[in-house]
Amino acid sequence: MAEGKSLKEQNAWLIRAAMICHVLAFVWVTAEPTKLLSADRATLAKQLETFAAPGTAGLGLIVIASLLLLGFVPPKWRDRLMHWRWKDPLPGSRAFSKIGPASDNVDMRKLRTELGALPRARDKQNALFYRIYRNHREDVGVLDAHGRYLAARDIGTITALLSVTLPWLAWWATEDWPKSAIYGACLFVIYALCVVAAKNYSLRMVQNVLAAASSA
């Protein structure tokens, strides 16, 4: 799966929104929620708007933090974090043995006629799938599923990294172990939801690519 520049640019606001949510959640856990609730809502909204507005130092720090967090983890490791597979994590590695035959929209007979004997080895399946993908990567269904997969993968990766560090920082700041443990559990649940979403979007992308290739 190639990471097009346009897809990254389109997903940038989602990454920033996720980072802002993480910042707000950490502030909520480490501060006293009753004080935040009793504060003037208009003032809080104005401060948040000022913090997240384009060109501000707050948004700049969020952008830098997201770039650093994603920079720590290479794309292959991000795929491993999402698919929970060490070797050949991408679903393209199972495109012709499992995903294609399981989809009603993919004509496997036509693919065999046009491509010959389809590979069984996972690395060869992924290589052939990538070749086919390059011819259909501009299709609307493929672009949509691919962009959503990359967004879910990157947000999940950031959440996985933060779930290792932020609960400990919350405990250090509050000395409230139960609250920090609940916070860590919530981060893990968000990561798990990202895993489910990323898997579904990646499977949909493979199905859309093979469906487009078999109907061309």
Protein backbone atom coordinates (compact mmCIF):
# COMPACT_ATOMS: atom_id res chain seq x y z
CA MET A 1 0.00 0.00 0.00
CA ALA A 2 1.54 3.23 -1.09
CA GLU A 3 1.24 6.33 0.99
CA GLY A 4 0.36 9.13 -1.42
CA LYS A 5 1.23 12.66 -0.38
CA SER A 6 -2.31 13.85 -1.05
CA LEU A 7 -3.72 11.23 1.32
CA LYS A 8 -1.36 12.33 4.07
CA GLU A 9 -2.35 15.94 3.55
CA GLN A 10 -6.04 15.05 3.65
CA ASN A 11 -5.54 13.11 6.89
CA ALA A 12 -3.45 15.82 8.58
CA TRP A 13 -6.45 17.49 10.19
CA LEU A 14 -7.66 14.16 11.58
CA ILE A 15 -4.26 13.53 13.18
CA ARG A 16 -4.28 17.02 14.68
CA ALA A 17 -7.83 16.60 15.95
CA ALA A 18 -6.84 13.32 17.62
CA MET A 19 -3.84 15.00 19.25
CA ILE A 20 -6.02 17.84 20.54
CA CYS A 21 -8.42 15.27 22.02
CA HIS A 22 -5.51 13.51 23.72
CA VAL A 23 -4.28 16.82 25.15
CA LEU A 24 -7.75 17.69 26.46
CA ALA A 25 -8.21 14.21 27.95
CA PHE A 26 -4.85 14.41 29.73
CA VAL A 27 -5.70 17.85 31.10
CA TRP A 28 -9.08 16.52 32.25
CA VAL A 29 -7.45 13.60 34.08
CA THR A 30 -4.64 15.56 35.70
CA ALA A 31 -6.72 18.64 36.57
CA GLU A 32 -9.79 18.70 38.76
CA PRO A 33 -12.85 18.01 36.56
CA THR A 34 -15.15 19.90 38.93
CA LYS A 35 -13.16 23.08 38.40
CA LEU A 36 -13.26 22.64 34.64
CA LEU A 37 -17.01 22.04 34.72
CA SER A 38 -17.62 25.07 36.91
CA ALA A 39 -15.56 27.33 34.68
CA ASP A 40 -17.26 29.65 32.26
CA ARG A 41 -18.01 27.67 29.10
CA ALA A 42 -17.60 30.65 26.81
CA THR A 43 -14.14 31.29 28.25
CA LEU A 44 -13.13 27.65 27.88
CA ALA A 45 -14.39 27.54 24.29
CA LYS A 46 -12.51 30.73 23.45
CA GLN A 47 -9.29 29.41 24.99
CA LEU A 48 -9.61 26.14 23.09
CA GLU A 49 -10.29 27.96 19.84
CA THR A 50 -7.27 30.17 20.41
CA PHE A 51 -5.11 27.15 21.29
CA ALA A 52 -6.08 25.18 18.17
CA ALA A 53 -6.26 28.02 15.67
CA PRO A 54 -3.94 27.78 12.63
CA GLY A 55 -0.64 29.53 13.15
CA THR A 56 -0.77 29.49 16.95
CA ALA A 57 1.97 28.06 19.13
CA GLY A 58 -0.44 25.46 20.59
CA LEU A 59 -1.29 24.01 17.20
CA GLY A 60 2.35 24.18 16.20
CA LEU A 61 3.33 22.10 19.23
CA ILE A 62 0.60 19.57 18.39
CA VAL A 63 1.82 19.27 14.80
CA ILE A 64 5.42 18.82 15.96
CA ALA A 65 4.40 16.26 18.58
CA SER A 66 2.40 14.22 16.06
CA LEU A 67 5.28 14.30 13.58
CA LEU A 68 7.72 13.14 16.25
CA LEU A 69 5.44 10.38 17.51
CA LEU A 70 4.84 9.01 14.02
CA GLY A 71 8.52 9.47 13.19
CA PHE A 72 9.47 7.09 15.99
CA VAL A 73 7.55 4.24 14.34
CA PRO A 74 8.32 3.18 10.74
CA PRO A 75 5.32 2.39 8.48
CA LYS A 76 5.92 -1.36 8.67
CA TRP A 77 5.77 -1.28 12.46
CA ARG A 78 2.58 0.78 12.28
CA ASP A 79 1.08 -1.93 10.08
CA ARG A 80 2.18 -4.53 12.61
CA LEU A 81 0.55 -2.58 15.43
CA MET A 82 -2.72 -2.47 13.52
CA HIS A 83 -2.86 -6.01 12.12
CA TRP A 84 -1.13 -7.80 15.03
CA ARG A 85 1.02 -9.74 12.58
CA TRP A 86 4.81 -9.72 12.71
CA LYS A 87 5.51 -11.09 9.23
CA ASP A 88 3.64 -9.89 6.15
CA PRO A 89 1.20 -7.72 8.13
CA LEU A 90 -0.49 -6.07 5.16
CA PRO A 91 -3.74 -7.66 3.92
CA GLY A 92 -2.31 -7.65 0.39
CA SER A 93 -0.35 -10.68 1.55
CA ARG A 94 -3.65 -12.57 1.70
CA ALA A 95 -5.34 -10.89 -1.26
CA PHE A 96 -5.64 -13.96 -3.52
CA SER A 97 -5.85 -16.74 -0.94
CA LYS A 98 -8.46 -15.33 1.47
CA ILE A 99 -9.74 -11.80 0.82
CA GLY A 100 -10.51 -12.07 -2.89
CA PRO A 101 -12.30 -15.45 -2.74
CA ALA A 102 -14.37 -14.26 0.25
CA SER A 103 -15.68 -11.19 -1.61
CA ASP A 104 -18.78 -11.43 -3.82
CA ASN A 105 -17.55 -8.46 -5.89
CA VAL A 106 -14.28 -10.11 -6.98
CA ASP A 107 -14.24 -12.38 -10.03
CA MET A 108 -11.36 -14.70 -9.16
CA ARG A 109 -11.82 -16.69 -12.37
CA LYS A 110 -11.23 -13.59 -14.47
CA LEU A 111 -8.17 -12.67 -12.41
CA ARG A 112 -6.71 -16.14 -13.00
CA THR A 113 -7.43 -15.84 -16.73
CA GLU A 114 -5.67 -12.47 -16.99
CA LEU A 115 -2.85 -13.02 -14.48
CA GLY A 116 -2.26 -16.75 -14.74
CA ALA A 117 -1.63 -18.89 -11.69
CA LEU A 118 -2.08 -16.73 -8.61
CA PRO A 119 0.68 -16.92 -5.99
CA ARG A 120 0.20 -18.61 -2.63
CA ALA A 121 3.29 -17.26 -0.83
CA ARG A 122 2.34 -14.18 1.16
CA ASP A 123 5.20 -11.98 -0.02
CA LYS A 124 4.45 -12.80 -3.67
CA GLN A 125 0.74 -12.15 -3.11
CA ASN A 126 1.53 -8.72 -1.72
CA ALA A 127 3.90 -7.95 -4.61
CA LEU A 128 1.28 -8.89 -7.21
CA PHE A 129 -1.44 -7.02 -5.33
CA TYR A 130 0.71 -3.88 -5.25
CA ARG A 131 1.21 -4.15 -9.00
CA ILE A 132 -2.56 -4.29 -9.50
CA TYR A 133 -3.13 -1.54 -6.96
CA ARG A 134 -0.95 0.90 -8.89
CA ASN A 135 -3.35 0.66 -11.84
CA HIS A 136 -6.42 1.39 -9.71
CA ARG A 137 -5.15 3.63 -6.91
CA GLU A 138 -7.06 6.64 -8.28
CA ASP A 139 -10.44 4.86 -8.15
CA VAL A 140 -12.79 6.60 -5.72
CA GLY A 141 -13.48 3.47 -3.65
CA VAL A 142 -9.79 2.63 -3.40
CA LEU A 143 -8.78 6.18 -2.49
CA ASP A 144 -11.46 6.43 0.18
CA ALA A 145 -10.62 3.12 1.85
CA HIS A 146 -6.87 3.74 1.62
CA GLY A 147 -7.13 7.22 3.13
CA ARG A 148 -9.29 5.97 5.98
CA TYR A 149 -6.89 3.10 6.64
CA LEU A 150 -3.90 5.45 6.86
CA ALA A 151 -5.80 7.78 9.21
CA ALA A 152 -6.90 4.94 11.51
CA ARG A 153 -3.41 3.42 11.44
CA ASP A 154 -1.63 6.66 12.35
CA ILE A 155 -4.13 7.66 15.05
CA GLY A 156 -3.92 4.14 16.47
CA THR A 157 -0.13 4.28 16.46
CA ILE A 158 -0.11 7.61 18.31
CA THR A 159 -2.63 6.28 20.83
CA ALA A 160 -0.56 3.13 21.39
CA LEU A 161 2.53 5.22 22.13
CA LEU A 162 0.64 7.57 24.43
CA SER A 163 -0.99 4.68 26.30
CA VAL A 164 2.49 3.63 27.42
CA THR A 165 3.55 7.05 28.72
CA LEU A 166 0.55 9.25 29.61
CA PRO A 167 -0.97 7.04 32.36
CA TRP A 168 2.36 7.13 34.20
CA LEU A 169 2.58 10.90 33.78
CA ALA A 170 -1.00 11.19 35.03
CA TRP A 171 -0.13 9.10 38.09
CA TRP A 172 2.99 11.22 38.70
CA ALA A 173 0.91 14.43 38.43
CA THR A 174 -2.06 13.31 40.53
CA GLU A 175 -0.80 10.41 42.67
CA ASP A 176 -4.21 8.92 41.98
CA TRP A 177 -3.53 5.35 40.86
CA PRO A 178 -7.16 4.28 40.17
CA LYS A 179 -7.85 7.34 38.00
CA SER A 180 -4.60 6.85 36.10
CA ALA A 181 -5.35 3.16 35.57
CA ILE A 182 -8.82 3.96 34.21
CA TYR A 183 -7.25 6.57 31.93
CA GLY A 184 -4.76 3.99 30.64
CA ALA A 185 -7.57 1.49 30.04
CA CYS A 186 -9.49 4.11 28.05
CA LEU A 187 -6.44 4.78 25.89
CA PHE A 188 -6.09 1.05 25.22
CA VAL A 189 -9.77 0.82 24.23
CA ILE A 190 -9.28 3.70 21.78
CA TYR A 191 -6.24 1.91 20.33
CA ALA A 192 -8.25 -1.32 20.01
CA LEU A 193 -11.03 0.53 18.19
CA CYS A 194 -8.44 1.99 15.81
CA VAL A 195 -7.15 -1.54 15.19
CA VAL A 196 -10.63 -2.76 14.25
CA ALA A 197 -11.24 0.26 12.02
CA ALA A 198 -7.85 -0.01 10.31
CA LYS A 199 -8.33 -3.73 9.61
CA ASN A 200 -11.78 -3.15 8.13
CA TYR A 201 -10.64 -0.27 5.93
CA SER A 202 -7.59 -2.17 4.69
CA LEU A 203 -9.70 -5.21 3.83
CA ARG A 204 -12.15 -2.98 2.01
CA MET A 205 -9.30 -1.41 0.06
CA VAL A 206 -8.00 -4.82 -1.06
CA GLN A 207 -11.50 -5.90 -2.06
CA ASN A 208 -12.07 -2.68 -4.01
CA VAL A 209 -8.77 -3.04 -5.87
CA LEU A 210 -9.44 -6.66 -6.83
CA ALA A 211 -13.07 -5.87 -7.76
CA ALA A 212 -11.92 -3.04 -10.03
CA ALA A 213 -9.26 -5.25 -11.62
CA SER A 214 -11.66 -8.15 -12.21
CA SER A 215 -14.32 -5.90 -13.73
CA ALA A 216 -12.05 -3.88 -16.00
